[in-house]
Amino acid sequence: MKGLGAIVMKLKYYMRGLGIGIILTTLVLAISGNKEKLTNEEIISRAMKLGMVMEEDQKDSLEEVLENSNPNLTATPWPTVLPELSITPEPTKTPDPTETPEPTETPKPTETPEPIEETQNQENMQKDITFTIITGMSSGKVSDLLYKEGLVDNPKEFNAYIVQAGKADVIRVGTFTAPLGTSYEEILNLITSK
């Protein structure tokens, strides 16, 4: 019987809490339920005061909607609106025919960089880069290495190329040499087993 008495006591506390909650909810709703009831004309006039502009045909359709709507609807008053500020544009100055216009500076021509000699480009294109891939390097580390050596422009892009080609797991270990300007495909073929 002790177990049943404990359950009844707990039930009594739950019921008491539920009752207090219902009473508090009723009080809150009763206090906040006193809302101002507005007529259709009052709603329209308040909207106009707040700056709402309507065409004549819109006014007619709005009045129809309001007439057909629930008459028990209440409107919550809007907070006070700050008065509108009017901005007056500055008067434009009309040019005086007796004044002489100020001379404007002509823009200086931009300097064009001197062209790089073709022989220098050819030397860079023929330059071979040697790099070493060691055991345990991931495709991301290999991409970073190739970026540092100047063979690839973007290590993340080259790593994505390796992964998309499905060759991230077949990168060979060793020392490789590739000329500057080698394509991604050629580099990938060089460092992976077939």
Foldseek 3Di string as FASTA:
>chain_A
DVVVVVVVVVVVVVVVVVVVVVVVVVVVCVVPVPADQDALVVVVVVCVVVPDDDDPVVVVVSVVVRVPDDNPDGDHDDPDDDDDDDDDDDDDDDDDPVDDDDDDDDDDDDDDDDDDDPVVVVVLQQDKFKDWAAPPDFLLNVLVRCVVRQQDVDSVVLSVVCVVVVFRPFFDGGMDMDGRPDDSVVVSPRGGDD
